[in-house]
Amino acid sequence: QVQLVESGGGLVQAGGSLRLSCAASGRTFSSYDMGWFRQAPGKEREFVAAIHWAGGSTTYADSVKGRFTISRDNAKSTVYLQMNSLKPEDTAAYHCAADSRGAYGSSWYTATMMGKYDYWGQGTQVTVSS
């Protein structure tokens, strides 16, 4: 069983920055593909960013490319989402997700899809004011 706990959300003005963190339980974090998704009120959950278990590959939604950066620290079992140049349309609950089979044959090419991930966090709220 993997538990994911997000932190770092809050209220920020447009143009500002936030760094989200997601701490994972378990001793095999380094084998997980990790992702961030977000869900705004009345909208479906959407992909934001993902990082490969080996750390060498990342992928981003077009809407955040060039503004957000995903990274991981395996020693701390934590994945981060650095968010810069925030816009009001970035307002959402941000959820991290883990694919515990990342190093065991799970496809990286489905990293943008919710079905890839078998564990989810409860989310942290990000609100960007105009």
Foldseek 3Di string as FASTA:
>chain_A
DKAKAKDWADEEAAQAKIKMKIAMDDLPLLQKKKFKWWDDPPDDIFGAKIAASPRPDMDGDPVQPPFWDWGDDSVRNMIMIIGGRDDQVVWTWMKMFIQNCRNPDQDPVCVGPPVNGDDMYPTDTHGYHD
